N, C-alpha and C. Protein backbone atom coordinates (compact mmCIF):
# COMPACT_ATOMS: atom_id res chain seq x y z
N MET A 1 5.20 -23.18 19.98
CA MET A 1 6.35 -22.51 19.44
C MET A 1 6.41 -21.11 20.02
N ARG A 2 7.60 -20.68 20.47
CA ARG A 2 7.82 -19.37 21.08
C ARG A 2 7.91 -18.30 20.00
N CYS A 3 7.28 -17.16 20.23
CA CYS A 3 7.31 -16.04 19.28
C CYS A 3 8.56 -15.20 19.48
N PHE A 4 9.06 -14.64 18.42
CA PHE A 4 10.19 -13.72 18.45
C PHE A 4 9.76 -12.42 19.10
N SER A 5 10.48 -11.92 20.11
CA SER A 5 10.06 -10.72 20.83
C SER A 5 11.08 -9.59 20.63
N LEU A 6 10.69 -8.42 21.10
CA LEU A 6 11.58 -7.26 21.05
C LEU A 6 12.84 -7.54 21.86
N ARG A 7 12.71 -8.21 23.00
CA ARG A 7 13.87 -8.56 23.82
C ARG A 7 14.83 -9.45 23.03
N ASP A 8 14.27 -10.42 22.28
CA ASP A 8 15.11 -11.29 21.45
C ASP A 8 15.88 -10.47 20.42
N ALA A 9 15.20 -9.51 19.80
CA ALA A 9 15.84 -8.68 18.78
C ALA A 9 16.99 -7.88 19.39
N LEU A 10 16.77 -7.34 20.60
CA LEU A 10 17.81 -6.55 21.25
C LEU A 10 19.01 -7.41 21.65
N LEU A 11 18.75 -8.67 22.00
CA LEU A 11 19.83 -9.57 22.38
C LEU A 11 20.56 -10.15 21.16
N LEU A 12 19.83 -10.42 20.09
CA LEU A 12 20.42 -11.07 18.93
C LEU A 12 21.05 -10.10 17.93
N ALA A 13 20.61 -8.86 17.91
CA ALA A 13 21.12 -7.90 16.92
C ALA A 13 22.64 -7.72 17.04
N PRO A 14 23.22 -7.51 18.25
CA PRO A 14 24.68 -7.37 18.32
C PRO A 14 25.41 -8.63 17.83
N ALA A 15 24.90 -9.80 18.15
CA ALA A 15 25.53 -11.04 17.71
C ALA A 15 25.47 -11.17 16.19
N ALA A 16 24.33 -10.82 15.59
CA ALA A 16 24.18 -10.89 14.14
C ALA A 16 25.12 -9.91 13.45
N LEU A 17 25.26 -8.71 14.02
CA LEU A 17 26.17 -7.73 13.44
C LEU A 17 27.62 -8.20 13.51
N MET A 18 27.97 -8.85 14.61
CA MET A 18 29.33 -9.37 14.77
C MET A 18 29.59 -10.46 13.74
N LEU A 19 28.60 -11.33 13.53
CA LEU A 19 28.76 -12.39 12.52
C LEU A 19 28.93 -11.79 11.13
N ALA A 20 28.14 -10.77 10.82
CA ALA A 20 28.23 -10.15 9.49
C ALA A 20 29.59 -9.49 9.31
N ALA A 21 30.10 -8.86 10.36
CA ALA A 21 31.40 -8.20 10.28
C ALA A 21 32.52 -9.22 10.08
N CYS A 22 32.33 -10.42 10.61
CA CYS A 22 33.34 -11.47 10.50
C CYS A 22 33.10 -12.37 9.30
N GLY A 23 32.15 -12.01 8.45
CA GLY A 23 31.87 -12.81 7.27
C GLY A 23 30.92 -13.96 7.53
N GLY A 24 30.22 -13.98 8.69
CA GLY A 24 29.32 -15.07 9.05
C GLY A 24 28.00 -15.02 8.30
N ALA A 25 27.00 -14.40 8.90
CA ALA A 25 25.65 -14.38 8.33
C ALA A 25 25.60 -13.49 7.09
N PRO A 26 24.86 -13.91 6.06
CA PRO A 26 24.75 -13.08 4.86
C PRO A 26 23.99 -11.80 5.17
N ARG A 27 24.36 -10.71 4.53
CA ARG A 27 23.77 -9.40 4.76
C ARG A 27 22.28 -9.36 4.46
N GLU A 28 21.83 -10.08 3.45
CA GLU A 28 20.41 -10.02 3.11
C GLU A 28 19.53 -10.58 4.23
N GLY A 29 20.02 -11.49 5.04
CA GLY A 29 19.26 -12.02 6.18
C GLY A 29 19.01 -10.94 7.21
N LEU A 30 19.99 -10.06 7.43
CA LEU A 30 19.81 -8.97 8.37
C LEU A 30 18.84 -7.92 7.83
N ASP A 31 18.89 -7.64 6.53
CA ASP A 31 17.99 -6.65 5.93
C ASP A 31 16.54 -7.07 6.07
N SER A 32 16.23 -8.34 5.87
CA SER A 32 14.84 -8.77 5.95
C SER A 32 14.32 -8.67 7.37
N ALA A 33 15.15 -8.92 8.39
CA ALA A 33 14.71 -8.77 9.77
C ALA A 33 14.37 -7.32 10.07
N THR A 34 15.17 -6.38 9.55
CA THR A 34 14.91 -4.96 9.76
C THR A 34 13.58 -4.57 9.14
N GLN A 35 13.27 -5.06 7.96
CA GLN A 35 12.02 -4.73 7.31
C GLN A 35 10.83 -5.26 8.10
N GLU A 36 10.94 -6.44 8.66
CA GLU A 36 9.83 -7.01 9.43
C GLU A 36 9.56 -6.18 10.68
N ASP A 37 10.60 -5.61 11.31
CA ASP A 37 10.44 -4.86 12.54
C ASP A 37 10.19 -3.38 12.29
N SER A 38 9.98 -2.97 11.05
CA SER A 38 9.86 -1.54 10.75
C SER A 38 8.59 -0.93 11.32
N THR A 39 7.63 -1.73 11.77
CA THR A 39 6.41 -1.16 12.33
C THR A 39 6.52 -0.90 13.83
N LEU A 40 7.62 -1.29 14.47
CA LEU A 40 7.76 -1.04 15.90
C LEU A 40 7.76 0.46 16.16
N GLY A 41 7.04 0.87 17.19
CA GLY A 41 7.00 2.27 17.57
C GLY A 41 6.09 3.12 16.71
N THR A 42 5.27 2.50 15.87
CA THR A 42 4.33 3.25 15.05
C THR A 42 2.94 2.69 15.24
N SER A 43 1.94 3.47 14.86
CA SER A 43 0.57 2.98 14.98
C SER A 43 0.29 1.88 13.97
N GLU A 44 1.20 1.64 13.02
CA GLU A 44 1.03 0.56 12.05
C GLU A 44 1.15 -0.81 12.70
N ALA A 45 1.63 -0.85 13.94
CA ALA A 45 1.79 -2.12 14.64
C ALA A 45 0.44 -2.71 15.04
N GLY A 46 -0.67 -2.03 14.74
CA GLY A 46 -2.00 -2.57 15.01
C GLY A 46 -2.52 -2.28 16.39
N LEU A 47 -2.11 -1.18 17.00
CA LEU A 47 -2.54 -0.83 18.34
C LEU A 47 -3.86 -0.07 18.30
N SER A 48 -4.82 -0.49 19.11
CA SER A 48 -6.08 0.25 19.22
C SER A 48 -6.68 -0.01 20.59
N ALA A 49 -7.66 0.84 20.94
CA ALA A 49 -8.29 0.74 22.25
C ALA A 49 -9.69 1.32 22.17
N SER A 50 -10.43 1.15 23.27
CA SER A 50 -11.72 1.81 23.39
C SER A 50 -11.74 2.58 24.71
N LEU A 51 -12.59 3.59 24.76
CA LEU A 51 -12.70 4.45 25.95
C LEU A 51 -14.16 4.56 26.34
N SER A 52 -14.44 4.35 27.62
CA SER A 52 -15.80 4.45 28.14
C SER A 52 -15.76 5.33 29.39
N CYS A 53 -16.60 6.38 29.42
CA CYS A 53 -16.66 7.28 30.57
C CYS A 53 -18.10 7.42 31.05
N SER A 54 -18.27 7.63 32.36
CA SER A 54 -19.60 7.88 32.90
C SER A 54 -19.47 8.66 34.21
N ARG A 55 -20.52 9.42 34.50
CA ARG A 55 -20.56 10.14 35.78
C ARG A 55 -20.92 9.11 36.85
N THR A 56 -20.08 9.00 37.88
CA THR A 56 -20.32 8.01 38.92
C THR A 56 -20.87 8.62 40.20
N SER A 57 -20.80 9.96 40.32
CA SER A 57 -21.43 10.68 41.43
C SER A 57 -21.53 12.14 40.99
N ALA A 58 -22.05 12.98 41.87
CA ALA A 58 -22.19 14.40 41.53
C ALA A 58 -20.83 15.04 41.29
N THR A 59 -19.77 14.48 41.88
CA THR A 59 -18.45 15.11 41.78
C THR A 59 -17.40 14.25 41.08
N THR A 60 -17.77 13.08 40.54
CA THR A 60 -16.76 12.23 39.91
C THR A 60 -17.22 11.70 38.55
N ILE A 61 -16.26 11.60 37.66
CA ILE A 61 -16.44 10.98 36.34
C ILE A 61 -15.38 9.90 36.26
N THR A 62 -15.77 8.68 35.94
CA THR A 62 -14.82 7.57 35.86
C THR A 62 -14.73 7.08 34.42
N CYS A 63 -13.50 6.94 33.94
CA CYS A 63 -13.25 6.47 32.58
C CYS A 63 -12.43 5.18 32.63
N THR A 64 -12.74 4.28 31.73
CA THR A 64 -12.00 3.02 31.61
C THR A 64 -11.54 2.85 30.18
N ALA A 65 -10.25 2.55 30.02
CA ALA A 65 -9.66 2.29 28.71
C ALA A 65 -9.44 0.80 28.57
N THR A 66 -9.77 0.28 27.39
CA THR A 66 -9.61 -1.15 27.13
C THR A 66 -8.81 -1.35 25.85
N PRO A 67 -7.59 -1.90 25.95
CA PRO A 67 -6.84 -2.21 24.72
C PRO A 67 -7.59 -3.25 23.91
N THR A 68 -7.70 -3.05 22.60
CA THR A 68 -8.36 -4.03 21.74
C THR A 68 -7.36 -4.74 20.83
N SER A 69 -6.16 -4.22 20.75
CA SER A 69 -5.06 -4.89 20.05
C SER A 69 -3.76 -4.25 20.50
N GLY A 70 -2.65 -4.86 20.16
CA GLY A 70 -1.35 -4.35 20.58
C GLY A 70 -0.62 -5.38 21.41
N VAL A 71 0.56 -5.01 21.89
CA VAL A 71 1.43 -5.92 22.62
C VAL A 71 1.55 -5.46 24.08
N ALA A 72 1.10 -6.30 25.01
CA ALA A 72 1.21 -5.99 26.44
C ALA A 72 2.67 -6.05 26.88
N PRO A 73 3.06 -5.35 27.91
CA PRO A 73 2.25 -4.51 28.79
C PRO A 73 1.95 -3.14 28.16
N PHE A 74 0.86 -2.53 28.62
CA PHE A 74 0.41 -1.26 28.09
C PHE A 74 0.68 -0.13 29.08
N THR A 75 0.89 1.06 28.55
CA THR A 75 1.01 2.27 29.34
C THR A 75 -0.20 3.14 29.01
N TYR A 76 -0.92 3.55 30.03
CA TYR A 76 -2.13 4.35 29.85
C TYR A 76 -1.79 5.81 30.12
N LEU A 77 -2.14 6.69 29.20
CA LEU A 77 -1.87 8.12 29.32
C LEU A 77 -3.19 8.87 29.34
N TRP A 78 -3.38 9.72 30.37
CA TRP A 78 -4.64 10.40 30.57
C TRP A 78 -4.46 11.91 30.63
N GLY A 79 -5.49 12.62 30.22
CA GLY A 79 -5.53 14.08 30.32
C GLY A 79 -6.97 14.53 30.21
N GLN A 80 -7.15 15.82 30.00
CA GLN A 80 -8.49 16.33 29.80
C GLN A 80 -8.45 17.66 29.06
N ASN A 81 -9.51 17.90 28.30
CA ASN A 81 -9.77 19.21 27.74
C ASN A 81 -10.82 19.82 28.64
N GLY A 82 -10.80 21.13 28.79
CA GLY A 82 -11.78 21.73 29.69
C GLY A 82 -12.08 23.17 29.34
N TYR A 83 -13.11 23.66 30.02
CA TYR A 83 -13.51 25.06 29.88
C TYR A 83 -13.92 25.56 31.26
N LEU A 84 -13.31 26.67 31.70
CA LEU A 84 -13.65 27.31 32.97
C LEU A 84 -14.59 28.47 32.68
N TYR A 85 -15.81 28.40 33.18
CA TYR A 85 -16.82 29.41 32.85
C TYR A 85 -16.50 30.79 33.40
N VAL A 86 -16.13 30.90 34.66
CA VAL A 86 -15.89 32.21 35.27
C VAL A 86 -14.74 32.93 34.58
N GLU A 87 -13.68 32.19 34.25
CA GLU A 87 -12.51 32.78 33.60
C GLU A 87 -12.66 32.87 32.09
N ASP A 88 -13.71 32.23 31.53
CA ASP A 88 -13.91 32.16 30.08
C ASP A 88 -12.62 31.66 29.41
N PHE A 89 -12.17 30.49 29.88
CA PHE A 89 -10.85 29.98 29.49
C PHE A 89 -10.94 28.50 29.11
N SER A 90 -10.48 28.17 27.91
CA SER A 90 -10.38 26.77 27.47
C SER A 90 -8.96 26.27 27.70
N TYR A 91 -8.81 25.01 28.03
CA TYR A 91 -7.48 24.45 28.24
C TYR A 91 -7.43 23.00 27.77
N SER A 92 -6.21 22.52 27.60
CA SER A 92 -5.95 21.13 27.26
C SER A 92 -4.76 20.69 28.11
N SER A 93 -4.98 19.73 29.00
CA SER A 93 -3.92 19.30 29.91
C SER A 93 -2.90 18.43 29.18
N THR A 94 -1.75 18.26 29.81
CA THR A 94 -0.75 17.32 29.31
C THR A 94 -1.22 15.90 29.63
N MET A 95 -0.62 14.93 28.95
CA MET A 95 -0.97 13.53 29.19
C MET A 95 -0.05 12.98 30.30
N ASN A 96 -0.65 12.27 31.25
CA ASN A 96 0.09 11.69 32.37
C ASN A 96 -0.22 10.21 32.49
N GLU A 97 0.80 9.44 32.87
CA GLU A 97 0.63 7.99 33.02
C GLU A 97 -0.33 7.66 34.15
N GLY A 98 -1.06 6.59 33.96
CA GLY A 98 -1.98 6.12 34.98
C GLY A 98 -2.33 4.67 34.75
N SER A 99 -3.41 4.23 35.33
CA SER A 99 -3.86 2.84 35.17
C SER A 99 -4.95 2.79 34.13
N ALA A 100 -5.57 1.64 33.96
CA ALA A 100 -6.61 1.46 32.95
C ALA A 100 -7.88 2.24 33.29
N THR A 101 -8.05 2.61 34.55
CA THR A 101 -9.21 3.39 34.98
C THR A 101 -8.73 4.71 35.58
N ARG A 102 -9.41 5.79 35.23
CA ARG A 102 -9.05 7.12 35.73
C ARG A 102 -10.31 7.81 36.21
N THR A 103 -10.23 8.41 37.40
CA THR A 103 -11.35 9.18 37.94
C THR A 103 -11.02 10.66 37.88
N TYR A 104 -11.96 11.44 37.37
CA TYR A 104 -11.84 12.89 37.30
C TYR A 104 -12.76 13.47 38.37
N TYR A 105 -12.31 14.54 39.03
CA TYR A 105 -13.07 15.11 40.13
C TYR A 105 -13.52 16.53 39.82
N CYS A 106 -14.72 16.86 40.29
CA CYS A 106 -15.27 18.21 40.20
C CYS A 106 -15.43 18.75 41.63
N ASP A 107 -15.33 20.08 41.78
CA ASP A 107 -15.64 20.69 43.07
C ASP A 107 -17.15 20.60 43.28
N GLU A 108 -17.54 20.31 44.51
CA GLU A 108 -18.97 20.28 44.81
C GLU A 108 -19.45 21.70 45.08
N LEU A 109 -20.44 22.14 44.32
CA LEU A 109 -20.96 23.49 44.43
C LEU A 109 -22.34 23.47 45.09
N PRO A 110 -22.78 24.58 45.69
CA PRO A 110 -24.11 24.62 46.29
C PRO A 110 -25.20 24.34 45.25
N PRO A 111 -26.30 23.73 45.65
CA PRO A 111 -27.39 23.44 44.71
C PRO A 111 -27.86 24.72 44.01
N GLY A 112 -28.17 24.60 42.73
CA GLY A 112 -28.66 25.73 41.95
C GLY A 112 -27.56 26.60 41.37
N THR A 113 -26.32 26.32 41.71
CA THR A 113 -25.20 27.10 41.18
C THR A 113 -24.93 26.65 39.74
N PRO A 114 -24.70 27.60 38.83
CA PRO A 114 -24.38 27.19 37.45
C PRO A 114 -23.04 26.44 37.41
N PRO A 115 -22.81 25.68 36.36
CA PRO A 115 -21.55 24.93 36.30
C PRO A 115 -20.34 25.86 36.33
N SER A 116 -19.28 25.41 37.00
CA SER A 116 -18.04 26.18 37.07
C SER A 116 -17.09 25.76 35.97
N GLU A 117 -17.27 24.53 35.49
CA GLU A 117 -16.32 23.97 34.53
C GLU A 117 -17.00 22.84 33.77
N ARG A 118 -16.48 22.56 32.58
CA ARG A 118 -16.86 21.34 31.87
C ARG A 118 -15.56 20.67 31.45
N ILE A 119 -15.56 19.34 31.50
CA ILE A 119 -14.35 18.60 31.13
C ILE A 119 -14.69 17.50 30.13
N LYS A 120 -13.73 17.21 29.29
CA LYS A 120 -13.83 16.11 28.32
C LYS A 120 -12.57 15.27 28.51
N PRO A 121 -12.68 14.11 29.16
CA PRO A 121 -11.51 13.25 29.36
C PRO A 121 -10.89 12.82 28.02
N LYS A 122 -9.56 12.65 28.04
CA LYS A 122 -8.85 12.16 26.85
C LYS A 122 -7.85 11.11 27.29
N PHE A 123 -7.47 10.26 26.31
CA PHE A 123 -6.67 9.08 26.63
C PHE A 123 -5.83 8.66 25.42
N GLN A 124 -4.63 8.16 25.69
CA GLN A 124 -3.79 7.50 24.68
C GLN A 124 -3.26 6.20 25.28
N LEU A 125 -2.93 5.26 24.41
CA LEU A 125 -2.39 3.97 24.84
C LEU A 125 -1.05 3.75 24.15
N ARG A 126 -0.06 3.29 24.93
CA ARG A 126 1.25 2.92 24.38
C ARG A 126 1.47 1.45 24.71
N ASP A 127 1.98 0.68 23.72
CA ASP A 127 2.22 -0.74 24.00
C ASP A 127 3.71 -1.02 24.14
N ALA A 128 4.04 -2.29 24.34
CA ALA A 128 5.43 -2.70 24.61
C ALA A 128 6.37 -2.41 23.45
N THR A 129 5.84 -2.26 22.24
CA THR A 129 6.71 -1.96 21.08
C THR A 129 7.03 -0.48 20.98
N GLY A 130 6.35 0.35 21.79
CA GLY A 130 6.54 1.79 21.72
C GLY A 130 5.49 2.47 20.85
N ALA A 131 4.60 1.69 20.23
CA ALA A 131 3.53 2.27 19.41
C ALA A 131 2.56 3.01 20.32
N THR A 132 2.06 4.15 19.86
CA THR A 132 1.11 4.96 20.63
C THR A 132 -0.09 5.26 19.75
N THR A 133 -1.28 5.13 20.32
CA THR A 133 -2.50 5.44 19.58
C THR A 133 -2.62 6.96 19.42
N GLY A 134 -3.55 7.36 18.58
CA GLY A 134 -3.96 8.75 18.56
C GLY A 134 -4.71 9.03 19.86
N THR A 135 -5.18 10.25 20.02
CA THR A 135 -5.89 10.62 21.24
C THR A 135 -7.37 10.25 21.12
N TYR A 136 -7.86 9.50 22.10
CA TYR A 136 -9.27 9.17 22.20
C TYR A 136 -9.92 10.21 23.11
N LEU A 137 -11.03 10.80 22.68
CA LEU A 137 -11.77 11.76 23.49
C LEU A 137 -13.08 11.14 23.95
N SER A 138 -13.48 11.47 25.16
CA SER A 138 -14.79 11.05 25.65
C SER A 138 -15.85 11.57 24.68
N ALA A 139 -16.91 10.80 24.50
CA ALA A 139 -17.99 11.22 23.62
C ALA A 139 -18.74 12.42 24.19
N ASP A 140 -18.69 12.60 25.51
CA ASP A 140 -19.47 13.65 26.17
C ASP A 140 -18.60 14.64 26.92
N TRP A 141 -19.12 15.87 27.05
CA TRP A 141 -18.59 16.84 27.99
C TRP A 141 -19.25 16.57 29.33
N TYR A 142 -18.51 16.69 30.42
CA TYR A 142 -19.07 16.52 31.75
C TYR A 142 -19.02 17.86 32.48
N TYR A 143 -20.16 18.29 32.99
CA TYR A 143 -20.29 19.59 33.65
C TYR A 143 -20.10 19.45 35.13
N CYS A 144 -19.32 20.35 35.72
CA CYS A 144 -19.07 20.36 37.16
C CYS A 144 -20.00 21.40 37.78
N TYR A 145 -20.95 20.93 38.61
CA TYR A 145 -21.93 21.81 39.26
C TYR A 145 -21.58 22.01 40.71
């Protein structure tokens, strides 16, 4: 049996409204459909994910996001929180679309040099209904040496 999708709702809603305007479908049938779809675009739709990050070389950190529930296709949004030591400056980047895996890069510094920066990757997931998760933060800060 085929499941009712968002595309079906977008195609059928104008027809249902026309029927109601012409005395066709009873109004209570339309109200119940609206109540069922009230979770679209909210985290109540059951969207969740996991985030795993690790240092893959002296200059790279690779993170992978895995949806654990929600409606495909997914949009992956990535950013980072950071601290620049020389400037004594904390920042939080904007979220940008990407794939399920994101690599963060550090400048390679001479051996023995103190870290220039530390970063904490962050991630959000959006599904086909428009629901978006809260922000997932890496468990660790990664230092750029």
